[in-house]
Amino acid sequence: MKTRSLPLSDLDLRLLPLCRPKAKDITKMAAALKQQGQISPVVMTGRILIDGFTRYEATKKLGLTHIQAMDLDMDLIRAKAMILVLNRRKKHSIIQEAALVRELVHKDGLSQKEAAVLLGRHKSWVNRRLLLITSLAPEIITDIQLELVPPGSGLHLARLHTCNQADVSAAIQSHGLSTAQVRILTDLWVKAADIQVRSFLLKNPKLAISHYEKEQKTCKIFRALWKILRALENELGQEDTVQAALTLIKSNLEILEQRSSYEPSQ
């Protein structure tokens, strides 16, 4: 297929929200374009860009006015699917995949099975992504797409009611939480029924997470100690003196657990 030089202003970017490139990828691509030039063309159908969004943004970043493009003849629905199909090696975020699935199912009217066939995926893959994106508030999807929250946050925020997601997202951003910290914060939020506890989580998420991690570490130590005691009891517990000593140790260990706000192991 022939390629041609096309003004950037002639490209139709209606599909850009479905595959918006990351800022770091644009910067990296711009450096490559500056050093090597454009090696492979972007792909369009008509004038609708379906592949090469990073190259497009990098070209614009460099102040260039034209880009090499290749035209494929297909309808808009298939063009949307090609965003994923043409980039099998590229790691799309799950939100990008979910947004594409929602576009095909909710806007274009495909069944989940039809969307799965078109994308070359299993129906369960389509279903999981559709459930994810319909569980997120629109503003949260925007936060994720704009990289205002760390990668993977969507999976954790989707566990919360949509009316709470914006407040938690704001806390994530203002306190600079990592993906691992987001997971712990959402776990704590789901378990917290008290309004004051949830307010504390929003105001002091890192402190709450630190307390949680310390408690988990202590709990792990107690579980290991109880496991050792059970092993000793199985091996040596037949003698009365040993049994008495183990009983005393267990009693003291229970006291330690209580003081550490843990229930004794069963």
Protein backbone atom coordinates (compact mmCIF):
# COMPACT_ATOMS: atom_id res chain seq x y z
CA MET A 1 0.00 0.00 0.00
CA LYS A 2 1.17 3.47 -0.88
CA THR A 3 1.94 6.07 1.72
CA ARG A 4 1.64 9.80 1.29
CA SER A 5 2.54 12.95 3.12
CA LEU A 6 -0.50 14.48 4.78
CA PRO A 7 -0.96 17.75 6.70
CA LEU A 8 -1.58 17.10 10.38
CA SER A 9 -4.61 19.36 10.20
CA ASP A 10 -6.26 17.01 7.69
CA LEU A 11 -6.39 14.06 10.10
CA ASP A 12 -9.65 13.23 11.87
CA LEU A 13 -8.83 12.57 15.54
CA ARG A 14 -12.22 11.37 16.73
CA LEU A 15 -10.72 8.07 17.94
CA LEU A 16 -7.87 9.68 19.90
CA PRO A 17 -9.74 9.43 23.26
CA LEU A 18 -9.76 5.64 22.83
CA CYS A 19 -5.97 5.43 22.58
CA ARG A 20 -4.53 8.60 24.07
CA PRO A 21 -0.72 8.18 24.33
CA LYS A 22 1.19 8.84 27.54
CA ALA A 23 3.27 12.01 27.83
CA LYS A 24 6.49 10.04 28.38
CA ASP A 25 5.83 7.98 25.25
CA ILE A 26 5.27 11.14 23.20
CA THR A 27 8.55 12.61 24.46
CA LYS A 28 10.41 9.41 23.64
CA MET A 29 8.88 9.22 20.18
CA ALA A 30 9.67 12.89 19.50
CA ALA A 31 13.34 12.22 20.27
CA ALA A 32 13.33 9.25 17.91
CA LEU A 33 11.64 11.22 15.14
CA LYS A 34 14.15 14.04 15.54
CA GLN A 35 17.07 11.64 15.26
CA GLN A 36 15.80 9.14 12.69
CA GLY A 37 12.78 10.69 11.04
CA GLN A 38 9.48 8.88 10.58
CA ILE A 39 10.20 5.23 9.83
CA SER A 40 6.66 3.81 9.64
CA PRO A 41 3.50 5.61 8.51
CA VAL A 42 0.45 6.22 10.63
CA VAL A 43 -2.66 4.34 9.55
CA MET A 44 -5.99 5.96 8.72
CA THR A 45 -9.27 5.09 7.07
CA GLY A 46 -10.49 7.99 5.00
CA ARG A 47 -8.95 10.69 7.16
CA ILE A 48 -9.74 9.02 10.51
CA LEU A 49 -6.53 8.14 12.37
CA ILE A 50 -6.64 4.56 13.71
CA ASP A 51 -2.98 3.80 14.41
CA GLY A 52 0.00 6.04 15.17
CA PHE A 53 -1.42 8.38 17.78
CA THR A 54 1.95 8.64 19.53
CA ARG A 55 3.68 9.46 16.24
CA TYR A 56 1.02 12.08 15.52
CA GLU A 57 1.44 13.77 18.92
CA ALA A 58 5.24 13.60 18.68
CA THR A 59 5.19 15.14 15.20
CA LYS A 60 3.01 17.96 16.48
CA LYS A 61 5.30 18.40 19.51
CA LEU A 62 8.27 18.92 17.17
CA GLY A 63 6.39 21.64 15.31
CA LEU A 64 6.19 19.66 12.07
CA THR A 65 3.22 20.15 9.79
CA HIS A 66 3.07 16.91 7.77
CA ILE A 67 3.13 13.18 8.52
CA GLN A 68 3.50 10.04 6.40
CA ALA A 69 0.20 8.16 6.33
CA MET A 70 -1.25 4.96 4.88
CA ASP A 71 -4.96 4.61 4.09
CA LEU A 72 -6.96 1.44 4.75
CA ASP A 73 -10.50 1.00 3.48
CA MET A 74 -12.86 -0.07 6.29
CA ASP A 75 -15.97 1.04 8.16
CA LEU A 76 -15.78 2.98 11.43
CA ILE A 77 -16.65 0.02 13.67
CA ARG A 78 -13.83 -2.09 12.25
CA ALA A 79 -11.55 0.95 12.42
CA LYS A 80 -12.14 1.17 16.18
CA ALA A 81 -11.29 -2.50 16.58
CA MET A 82 -8.10 -1.99 14.57
CA ILE A 83 -6.83 0.35 17.30
CA LEU A 84 -6.33 -2.77 19.40
CA VAL A 85 -5.71 -5.31 16.64
CA LEU A 86 -2.88 -3.30 15.04
CA ASN A 87 -1.16 -2.91 18.39
CA ARG A 88 -1.04 -6.42 19.81
CA ARG A 89 2.54 -5.95 20.98
CA LYS A 90 1.79 -2.61 22.60
CA LYS A 91 0.64 -2.74 26.21
CA HIS A 92 -2.69 -0.95 26.31
CA SER A 93 -4.02 0.03 29.70
CA ILE A 94 -7.08 -1.88 30.84
CA ILE A 95 -9.00 1.42 30.83
CA GLN A 96 -8.16 1.98 27.16
CA GLU A 97 -9.34 -1.53 26.38
CA ALA A 98 -12.49 -1.02 28.46
CA ALA A 99 -13.26 2.30 26.76
CA LEU A 100 -12.95 0.65 23.36
CA VAL A 101 -15.24 -2.21 24.40
CA ARG A 102 -17.83 0.24 25.74
CA GLU A 103 -17.68 2.19 22.47
CA LEU A 104 -18.34 -0.95 20.42
CA VAL A 105 -21.09 -2.32 22.66
CA HIS A 106 -22.92 0.75 23.96
CA LYS A 107 -22.46 3.17 21.08
CA ASP A 108 -22.16 0.91 18.04
CA GLY A 109 -24.66 -1.66 19.27
CA LEU A 110 -22.55 -4.80 19.01
CA SER A 111 -23.27 -7.70 21.33
CA GLN A 112 -20.47 -8.74 23.68
CA LYS A 113 -19.95 -11.84 21.56
CA GLU A 114 -19.71 -9.79 18.35
CA ALA A 115 -17.25 -7.39 19.98
CA ALA A 116 -15.15 -10.33 21.20
CA VAL A 117 -14.97 -11.82 17.68
CA LEU A 118 -14.08 -8.45 16.16
CA LEU A 119 -11.30 -7.88 18.70
CA GLY A 120 -10.04 -11.46 18.58
CA ARG A 121 -10.75 -11.94 22.28
CA HIS A 122 -12.89 -14.21 24.44
CA LYS A 123 -16.34 -13.01 25.48
CA SER A 124 -15.29 -13.08 29.16
CA TRP A 125 -12.46 -10.64 28.33
CA VAL A 126 -15.01 -8.23 26.87
CA ASN A 127 -17.40 -8.72 29.78
CA ARG A 128 -14.74 -7.98 32.44
CA ARG A 129 -13.76 -4.72 30.78
CA LEU A 130 -17.33 -3.65 30.29
CA LEU A 131 -18.07 -4.29 33.97
CA LEU A 132 -15.00 -2.28 34.96
CA ILE A 133 -15.75 0.84 32.98
CA THR A 134 -19.45 0.88 33.90
CA SER A 135 -18.39 0.74 37.57
CA LEU A 136 -16.34 3.94 37.30
CA ALA A 137 -17.65 7.50 37.41
CA PRO A 138 -16.93 9.54 34.24
CA GLU A 139 -14.59 11.92 36.10
CA ILE A 140 -12.57 8.96 37.37
CA ILE A 141 -12.14 7.62 33.85
CA THR A 142 -10.84 11.07 32.89
CA ASP A 143 -8.41 11.07 35.85
CA ILE A 144 -7.05 7.71 34.73
CA GLN A 145 -6.76 8.72 31.07
CA LEU A 146 -4.92 11.91 32.04
CA GLU A 147 -2.58 9.89 34.31
CA LEU A 148 -3.61 11.87 37.38
CA VAL A 149 -3.76 8.62 39.36
CA PRO A 150 -1.20 5.77 39.14
CA PRO A 151 -1.63 2.91 36.65
CA GLY A 152 -3.95 0.17 37.89
CA SER A 153 -5.98 2.50 40.13
CA GLY A 154 -9.13 1.91 38.10
CA LEU A 155 -9.41 -1.71 39.21
CA HIS A 156 -9.33 -0.65 42.86
CA LEU A 157 -11.53 2.46 42.56
CA ALA A 158 -14.17 0.38 40.75
CA ARG A 159 -14.79 -1.42 44.07
CA LEU A 160 -16.14 1.80 45.58
CA HIS A 161 -19.56 3.32 45.03
CA THR A 162 -19.38 5.92 42.27
CA CYS A 163 -20.43 8.67 44.71
CA ASN A 164 -17.26 8.03 46.76
CA GLN A 165 -14.76 7.59 43.93
CA ALA A 166 -14.10 11.31 43.33
CA ASP A 167 -13.18 11.95 46.99
CA VAL A 168 -10.84 8.96 47.09
CA SER A 169 -9.29 9.92 43.74
CA ALA A 170 -8.66 13.44 45.07
CA ALA A 171 -6.90 11.97 48.12
CA ILE A 172 -4.79 9.72 45.89
CA GLN A 173 -3.68 12.71 43.83
CA SER A 174 -3.07 15.17 46.65
CA HIS A 175 -1.02 12.68 48.67
CA GLY A 176 0.81 11.12 45.71
CA LEU A 177 -0.16 7.52 46.48
CA SER A 178 1.33 4.58 44.59
CA THR A 179 -0.72 1.79 43.04
CA ALA A 180 0.03 -0.48 46.02
CA GLN A 181 -1.09 2.26 48.41
CA VAL A 182 -4.26 2.80 46.38
CA ARG A 183 -5.09 -0.89 46.80
CA ILE A 184 -4.68 -0.68 50.59
CA LEU A 185 -6.64 2.58 50.81
CA THR A 186 -9.60 1.13 48.92
CA ASP A 187 -9.45 -2.03 51.07
CA LEU A 188 -9.62 0.12 54.22
CA TRP A 189 -12.42 2.25 52.75
CA VAL A 190 -14.57 -0.78 51.94
CA LYS A 191 -14.10 -2.18 55.45
CA ALA A 192 -14.77 1.16 57.17
CA ALA A 193 -18.46 1.68 57.98
CA ASP A 194 -17.90 4.70 60.23
CA ILE A 195 -17.99 8.15 58.60
CA GLN A 196 -15.24 9.45 60.89
CA VAL A 197 -12.94 6.59 59.89
CA ARG A 198 -13.51 7.32 56.21
CA SER A 199 -12.87 11.01 56.82
CA PHE A 200 -9.55 10.09 58.47
CA LEU A 201 -8.65 7.93 55.47
CA LEU A 202 -9.18 10.87 53.13
CA LYS A 203 -7.24 13.35 55.26
CA ASN A 204 -4.39 11.06 56.33
CA PRO A 205 -4.20 8.17 53.85
CA LYS A 206 -0.46 7.57 54.22
CA LEU A 207 -0.70 7.46 58.01
CA ALA A 208 -3.63 5.05 57.83
CA ILE A 209 -1.76 2.88 55.34
CA SER A 210 1.35 2.90 57.55
CA HIS A 211 -0.69 1.74 60.55
CA TYR A 212 -2.30 -0.98 58.45
CA GLU A 213 1.03 -2.26 57.14
CA LYS A 214 2.47 -2.34 60.68
CA GLU A 215 -0.56 -4.29 61.91
CA GLN A 216 -0.27 -6.74 59.03
CA LYS A 217 3.40 -7.30 59.80
CA THR A 218 2.63 -7.91 63.48
CA CYS A 219 -0.22 -10.24 62.57
CA LYS A 220 2.10 -12.23 60.31
CA ILE A 221 4.58 -12.63 63.17
CA PHE A 222 1.84 -13.93 65.49
CA ARG A 223 0.63 -16.42 62.87
CA ALA A 224 4.18 -17.72 62.52
CA LEU A 225 4.53 -18.06 66.31
CA TRP A 226 1.26 -19.98 66.59
CA LYS A 227 2.37 -22.29 63.79
CA ILE A 228 5.62 -23.02 65.62
CA LEU A 229 3.73 -23.74 68.86
CA ARG A 230 1.38 -26.15 67.10
CA ALA A 231 4.36 -27.94 65.58
CA LEU A 232 6.05 -28.20 69.01
CA GLU A 233 2.83 -29.48 70.55
CA ASN A 234 2.53 -32.18 67.90
CA GLU A 235 6.14 -33.30 68.38
CA LEU A 236 6.68 -32.87 72.12
CA GLY A 237 3.29 -32.37 73.69
CA GLN A 238 2.93 -35.89 75.12
CA GLU A 239 5.02 -35.12 78.21
CA ASP A 240 3.27 -33.33 81.08
CA THR A 241 6.10 -30.87 81.71
CA VAL A 242 6.30 -29.95 78.04
CA GLN A 243 2.52 -29.58 77.84
CA ALA A 244 2.52 -27.30 80.87
CA ALA A 245 5.30 -25.15 79.39
CA LEU A 246 3.49 -24.88 76.04
CA THR A 247 0.25 -23.95 77.79
CA LEU A 248 2.03 -21.15 79.62
CA ILE A 249 3.61 -19.90 76.38
CA LYS A 250 0.24 -19.94 74.62
CA SER A 251 -1.37 -18.04 77.47
CA ASN A 252 1.32 -15.34 77.29
CA LEU A 253 1.06 -15.21 73.51
CA GLU A 254 -2.69 -14.64 73.76
CA ILE A 255 -2.06 -11.71 76.11
CA LEU A 256 0.42 -10.23 73.65
CA GLU A 257 -2.10 -10.59 70.83
CA GLN A 258 -4.79 -8.86 72.86
CA ARG A 259 -2.45 -5.99 73.62
CA SER A 260 -1.68 -5.74 69.93
CA SER A 261 -5.43 -5.49 69.15
CA TYR A 262 -5.56 -8.95 67.59
CA GLU A 263 -7.79 -11.84 68.43
CA PRO A 264 -5.98 -15.05 69.44
CA SER A 265 -5.40 -17.49 66.61
CA GLN A 266 -7.69 -20.47 66.49
